[in-house]
């Protein structure tokens, strides 16, 4: 599932990773010596980031659907009109298609 970390979460995870590495090197190599509080905090941060990422993907998919519908509507308007109205509808269709492409690129980031 996609994750979306904030800057502070990335820094906190880096700090917790260093802390866990230090604890791991200090103890017996055959025993898990990492503090449970560190593990729980890492899991909590990862869960929040996963939830945030899923919500962002859902929002982007809704916006993509809206942009595609708007582009289709503008294309129908363009095909049924003439003159200045046709040119305006073509411009509007191109704008909606460009917005859809931007959203698609952003969605690929989560895959």
N, C-alpha and C. Protein backbone atom coordinates (compact mmCIF):
# COMPACT_ATOMS: atom_id res chain seq x y z
N UNK A 1 0.85 -1.18 0.00
CA UNK A 1 0.00 0.00 0.00
C UNK A 1 0.89 1.24 0.00
N UNK A 2 0.44 2.28 -0.63
CA UNK A 2 1.25 3.49 -0.70
C UNK A 2 1.36 4.17 0.66
N UNK A 3 2.47 4.80 0.89
CA UNK A 3 2.69 5.54 2.13
C UNK A 3 3.06 6.97 1.79
N UNK A 4 2.70 7.86 2.69
CA UNK A 4 3.02 9.27 2.51
C UNK A 4 3.53 9.80 3.84
N UNK A 5 4.84 9.97 3.94
CA UNK A 5 5.46 10.42 5.18
C UNK A 5 5.63 11.93 5.18
N UNK A 6 5.43 12.54 6.33
CA UNK A 6 5.73 13.96 6.49
C UNK A 6 7.22 14.09 6.77
N UNK A 7 7.74 15.29 6.69
CA UNK A 7 9.15 15.51 6.97
C UNK A 7 9.53 15.13 8.38
N UNK A 8 8.69 15.48 9.34
CA UNK A 8 9.00 15.15 10.73
C UNK A 8 8.95 13.64 10.95
N UNK A 9 8.05 12.94 10.25
CA UNK A 9 8.00 11.49 10.40
C UNK A 9 9.26 10.84 9.82
N UNK A 10 9.75 11.38 8.72
CA UNK A 10 10.98 10.83 8.14
C UNK A 10 12.16 11.02 9.09
N UNK A 11 12.23 12.22 9.68
CA UNK A 11 13.33 12.47 10.63
C UNK A 11 13.20 11.58 11.85
N UNK A 12 11.99 11.42 12.35
CA UNK A 12 11.77 10.58 13.54
C UNK A 12 12.10 9.13 13.23
N UNK A 13 11.73 8.64 12.05
CA UNK A 13 12.08 7.27 11.68
C UNK A 13 13.59 7.08 11.57
N UNK A 14 14.28 8.06 11.03
CA UNK A 14 15.74 7.98 10.93
C UNK A 14 16.35 7.91 12.33
N UNK A 15 15.84 8.75 13.23
CA UNK A 15 16.36 8.75 14.60
C UNK A 15 16.07 7.42 15.29
N UNK A 16 14.86 6.90 15.11
CA UNK A 16 14.51 5.62 15.72
C UNK A 16 15.32 4.47 15.13
N UNK A 17 15.63 4.53 13.85
CA UNK A 17 16.45 3.50 13.22
C UNK A 17 17.86 3.52 13.80
N UNK A 18 18.42 4.71 13.99
CA UNK A 18 19.73 4.80 14.62
C UNK A 18 19.71 4.28 16.05
N UNK A 19 18.65 4.61 16.77
CA UNK A 19 18.51 4.15 18.15
C UNK A 19 18.40 2.62 18.19
N UNK A 20 17.62 2.05 17.28
CA UNK A 20 17.45 0.60 17.23
C UNK A 20 18.77 -0.08 16.85
N UNK A 21 19.51 0.52 15.92
CA UNK A 21 20.80 -0.05 15.53
C UNK A 21 21.78 -0.04 16.70
N UNK A 22 21.78 1.04 17.44
CA UNK A 22 22.65 1.14 18.60
C UNK A 22 22.28 0.09 19.64
N UNK A 23 20.99 -0.07 19.90
CA UNK A 23 20.55 -1.08 20.85
C UNK A 23 20.89 -2.49 20.37
N UNK A 24 20.76 -2.71 19.08
CA UNK A 24 21.03 -4.02 18.52
C UNK A 24 22.51 -4.38 18.61
N UNK A 25 23.37 -3.39 18.36
CA UNK A 25 24.82 -3.65 18.42
C UNK A 25 25.30 -3.82 19.86
N UNK A 26 24.59 -3.22 20.81
CA UNK A 26 25.03 -3.27 22.20
C UNK A 26 24.69 -4.59 22.87
N UNK A 27 23.73 -5.30 22.35
CA UNK A 27 23.27 -6.52 23.02
C UNK A 27 23.81 -7.78 22.40
N UNK A 28 23.28 -8.89 22.86
CA UNK A 28 23.64 -10.21 22.37
C UNK A 28 23.16 -10.36 20.93
N UNK A 29 24.03 -10.83 20.01
CA UNK A 29 23.63 -10.94 18.61
C UNK A 29 22.54 -11.98 18.35
N UNK A 30 22.34 -12.90 19.28
CA UNK A 30 21.34 -13.96 19.09
C UNK A 30 19.99 -13.61 19.71
N UNK A 31 19.88 -12.45 20.34
CA UNK A 31 18.65 -12.05 21.02
C UNK A 31 18.22 -10.68 20.49
N UNK A 32 16.92 -10.50 20.36
CA UNK A 32 16.38 -9.21 19.94
C UNK A 32 16.46 -8.25 21.12
N UNK A 33 17.34 -7.26 21.01
CA UNK A 33 17.57 -6.33 22.13
C UNK A 33 16.95 -4.96 21.89
N UNK A 34 16.18 -4.81 20.82
CA UNK A 34 15.57 -3.51 20.53
C UNK A 34 14.37 -3.32 21.44
N UNK A 35 14.29 -2.14 22.02
CA UNK A 35 13.21 -1.80 22.95
C UNK A 35 11.85 -1.86 22.25
N UNK A 36 10.86 -2.43 22.93
CA UNK A 36 9.52 -2.56 22.35
C UNK A 36 8.88 -1.20 22.08
N UNK A 37 9.22 -0.19 22.88
CA UNK A 37 8.66 1.14 22.65
C UNK A 37 9.11 1.71 21.31
N UNK A 38 10.36 1.43 20.95
CA UNK A 38 10.88 1.90 19.66
C UNK A 38 10.13 1.21 18.53
N UNK A 39 9.92 -0.10 18.64
CA UNK A 39 9.20 -0.84 17.61
C UNK A 39 7.76 -0.35 17.48
N UNK A 40 7.10 -0.11 18.60
CA UNK A 40 5.72 0.36 18.56
C UNK A 40 5.62 1.74 17.91
N UNK A 41 6.57 2.61 18.23
CA UNK A 41 6.53 3.95 17.64
C UNK A 41 6.76 3.89 16.13
N UNK A 42 7.68 3.06 15.68
CA UNK A 42 7.92 2.89 14.24
C UNK A 42 6.66 2.36 13.56
N UNK A 43 6.03 1.36 14.17
CA UNK A 43 4.80 0.81 13.59
C UNK A 43 3.69 1.85 13.54
N UNK A 44 3.59 2.67 14.58
CA UNK A 44 2.55 3.71 14.63
C UNK A 44 2.78 4.75 13.52
N UNK A 45 4.03 5.15 13.32
CA UNK A 45 4.35 6.12 12.27
C UNK A 45 4.05 5.52 10.90
N UNK A 46 4.44 4.26 10.69
CA UNK A 46 4.21 3.62 9.40
C UNK A 46 2.71 3.45 9.13
N UNK A 47 1.93 3.15 10.16
CA UNK A 47 0.49 3.00 10.00
C UNK A 47 -0.16 4.33 9.59
N UNK A 48 0.24 5.41 10.26
CA UNK A 48 -0.29 6.74 9.91
C UNK A 48 0.06 7.11 8.47
N UNK A 49 1.30 6.84 8.08
CA UNK A 49 1.75 7.17 6.72
C UNK A 49 1.00 6.33 5.68
N UNK A 50 0.75 5.07 5.98
CA UNK A 50 0.01 4.22 5.06
C UNK A 50 -1.43 4.69 4.93
N UNK A 51 -2.05 5.07 6.03
CA UNK A 51 -3.42 5.58 5.99
C UNK A 51 -3.48 6.89 5.19
N UNK A 52 -2.53 7.78 5.43
CA UNK A 52 -2.48 9.05 4.70
C UNK A 52 -2.27 8.79 3.20
N UNK A 53 -1.40 7.86 2.86
CA UNK A 53 -1.14 7.54 1.47
C UNK A 53 -2.38 6.99 0.77
N UNK A 54 -3.12 6.12 1.45
CA UNK A 54 -4.34 5.56 0.87
C UNK A 54 -5.38 6.66 0.63
N UNK A 55 -5.49 7.58 1.58
CA UNK A 55 -6.44 8.68 1.41
C UNK A 55 -6.03 9.58 0.24
N UNK A 56 -4.74 9.83 0.08
CA UNK A 56 -4.26 10.66 -1.02
C UNK A 56 -4.52 9.99 -2.37
N UNK A 57 -4.31 8.67 -2.43
CA UNK A 57 -4.57 7.94 -3.68
C UNK A 57 -6.06 8.01 -4.02
N UNK A 58 -6.92 7.82 -3.03
CA UNK A 58 -8.36 7.91 -3.28
C UNK A 58 -8.76 9.29 -3.79
N UNK A 59 -8.21 10.32 -3.18
CA UNK A 59 -8.53 11.69 -3.60
C UNK A 59 -8.02 11.94 -5.02
N UNK A 60 -6.82 11.47 -5.34
CA UNK A 60 -6.29 11.65 -6.69
C UNK A 60 -7.11 10.89 -7.73
N UNK A 61 -7.57 9.69 -7.38
CA UNK A 61 -8.39 8.93 -8.31
C UNK A 61 -9.72 9.63 -8.58
N UNK A 62 -10.31 10.23 -7.54
CA UNK A 62 -11.55 11.00 -7.73
C UNK A 62 -11.30 12.20 -8.64
N UNK A 63 -10.20 12.91 -8.41
CA UNK A 63 -9.89 14.09 -9.24
C UNK A 63 -9.61 13.67 -10.68
N UNK A 64 -8.94 12.52 -10.86
CA UNK A 64 -8.67 12.03 -12.21
C UNK A 64 -9.97 11.72 -12.94
N UNK A 65 -10.89 11.09 -12.26
CA UNK A 65 -12.18 10.77 -12.85
C UNK A 65 -12.93 12.06 -13.24
N UNK A 66 -12.90 13.05 -12.37
CA UNK A 66 -13.55 14.33 -12.66
C UNK A 66 -12.90 15.02 -13.87
N UNK A 67 -11.57 14.99 -13.94
CA UNK A 67 -10.87 15.63 -15.06
C UNK A 67 -11.18 14.92 -16.38
N UNK A 68 -11.24 13.60 -16.35
CA UNK A 68 -11.56 12.86 -17.57
C UNK A 68 -12.99 13.14 -18.02
N UNK A 69 -13.93 13.21 -17.06
CA UNK A 69 -15.32 13.52 -17.42
C UNK A 69 -15.43 14.93 -18.00
N UNK A 70 -14.71 15.88 -17.41
CA UNK A 70 -14.75 17.25 -17.91
C UNK A 70 -14.15 17.33 -19.31
N UNK A 71 -13.08 16.57 -19.56
CA UNK A 71 -12.46 16.56 -20.89
C UNK A 71 -13.43 15.96 -21.92
N UNK A 72 -14.12 14.90 -21.53
CA UNK A 72 -15.09 14.29 -22.45
C UNK A 72 -16.24 15.24 -22.75
N UNK A 73 -16.70 15.95 -21.75
CA UNK A 73 -17.77 16.92 -21.95
C UNK A 73 -17.32 18.06 -22.87
N UNK A 74 -16.12 18.54 -22.67
CA UNK A 74 -15.59 19.61 -23.51
C UNK A 74 -15.40 19.12 -24.95
N UNK A 75 -15.01 17.85 -25.09
CA UNK A 75 -14.83 17.30 -26.44
C UNK A 75 -16.17 17.20 -27.16
N UNK A 76 -17.21 16.79 -26.43
CA UNK A 76 -18.54 16.73 -27.04
C UNK A 76 -19.01 18.13 -27.43
N UNK A 77 -18.75 19.11 -26.58
CA UNK A 77 -19.11 20.49 -26.89
C UNK A 77 -18.35 20.98 -28.12
N UNK A 78 -17.07 20.62 -28.19
CA UNK A 78 -16.26 21.04 -29.33
C UNK A 78 -16.80 20.46 -30.63
N UNK A 79 -17.19 19.21 -30.61
CA UNK A 79 -17.66 18.55 -31.83
C UNK A 79 -19.03 19.06 -32.29
N UNK A 80 -19.79 19.60 -31.36
CA UNK A 80 -21.15 20.04 -31.73
C UNK A 80 -21.26 21.54 -31.93
N UNK A 81 -20.16 22.26 -31.81
CA UNK A 81 -20.23 23.71 -31.98
C UNK A 81 -19.32 24.15 -33.13
N UNK A 82 -19.36 25.44 -33.40
CA UNK A 82 -18.53 25.95 -34.50
C UNK A 82 -17.99 27.33 -34.12
N UNK A 83 -17.00 27.77 -34.86
CA UNK A 83 -16.45 29.10 -34.67
C UNK A 83 -15.71 29.27 -33.36
N UNK A 84 -15.96 30.40 -32.71
CA UNK A 84 -15.27 30.73 -31.47
C UNK A 84 -15.61 29.75 -30.35
N UNK A 85 -16.86 29.27 -30.34
CA UNK A 85 -17.25 28.30 -29.32
C UNK A 85 -16.45 27.01 -29.45
N UNK A 86 -16.21 26.61 -30.69
CA UNK A 86 -15.43 25.39 -30.92
C UNK A 86 -13.99 25.57 -30.44
N UNK A 87 -13.40 26.71 -30.74
CA UNK A 87 -12.02 26.98 -30.32
C UNK A 87 -11.93 27.03 -28.79
N UNK A 88 -12.91 27.65 -28.15
CA UNK A 88 -12.91 27.73 -26.68
C UNK A 88 -13.07 26.34 -26.08
N UNK A 89 -13.94 25.52 -26.67
CA UNK A 89 -14.14 24.16 -26.16
C UNK A 89 -12.88 23.32 -26.36
N UNK A 90 -12.17 23.52 -27.48
CA UNK A 90 -10.92 22.78 -27.72
C UNK A 90 -9.88 23.17 -26.67
N UNK A 91 -9.77 24.45 -26.38
CA UNK A 91 -8.83 24.90 -25.35
C UNK A 91 -9.19 24.30 -24.00
N UNK A 92 -10.46 24.31 -23.69
CA UNK A 92 -10.91 23.76 -22.41
C UNK A 92 -10.63 22.25 -22.36
N UNK A 93 -10.88 21.54 -23.46
CA UNK A 93 -10.61 20.10 -23.52
C UNK A 93 -9.12 19.83 -23.30
N UNK A 94 -8.27 20.62 -23.96
CA UNK A 94 -6.83 20.43 -23.80
C UNK A 94 -6.40 20.69 -22.36
N UNK A 95 -6.98 21.68 -21.72
CA UNK A 95 -6.65 21.98 -20.33
C UNK A 95 -7.05 20.82 -19.41
N UNK A 96 -8.23 20.27 -19.62
CA UNK A 96 -8.69 19.15 -18.79
C UNK A 96 -7.84 17.90 -19.03
N UNK A 97 -7.46 17.66 -20.28
CA UNK A 97 -6.60 16.51 -20.57
C UNK A 97 -5.22 16.67 -19.95
N UNK A 98 -4.70 17.89 -19.96
CA UNK A 98 -3.40 18.15 -19.32
C UNK A 98 -3.50 17.93 -17.81
N UNK A 99 -4.60 18.36 -17.22
CA UNK A 99 -4.80 18.14 -15.78
C UNK A 99 -4.87 16.66 -15.48
N UNK A 100 -5.54 15.89 -16.32
CA UNK A 100 -5.63 14.44 -16.13
C UNK A 100 -4.25 13.80 -16.22
N UNK A 101 -3.43 14.25 -17.15
CA UNK A 101 -2.07 13.70 -17.27
C UNK A 101 -1.23 14.02 -16.03
N UNK A 102 -1.38 15.24 -15.50
CA UNK A 102 -0.64 15.59 -14.27
C UNK A 102 -1.06 14.69 -13.11
N UNK A 103 -2.34 14.45 -12.99
CA UNK A 103 -2.85 13.59 -11.92
C UNK A 103 -2.36 12.16 -12.11
N UNK A 104 -2.34 11.67 -13.34
CA UNK A 104 -1.84 10.32 -13.62
C UNK A 104 -0.37 10.19 -13.22
N UNK A 105 0.42 11.22 -13.53
CA UNK A 105 1.84 11.19 -13.13
C UNK A 105 1.98 11.14 -11.61
N UNK A 106 1.15 11.90 -10.92
CA UNK A 106 1.20 11.90 -9.46
C UNK A 106 0.77 10.54 -8.91
N UNK A 107 -0.22 9.92 -9.52
CA UNK A 107 -0.66 8.60 -9.06
C UNK A 107 0.44 7.54 -9.25
N UNK A 108 1.22 7.67 -10.32
CA UNK A 108 2.31 6.71 -10.53
C UNK A 108 3.33 6.75 -9.41
N UNK A 109 3.42 7.88 -8.72
CA UNK A 109 4.35 8.00 -7.59
C UNK A 109 4.00 7.03 -6.46
N UNK A 110 2.73 6.68 -6.35
CA UNK A 110 2.27 5.82 -5.26
C UNK A 110 2.33 4.34 -5.62
N UNK A 111 2.72 4.00 -6.83
CA UNK A 111 2.73 2.58 -7.22
C UNK A 111 4.08 1.96 -7.05
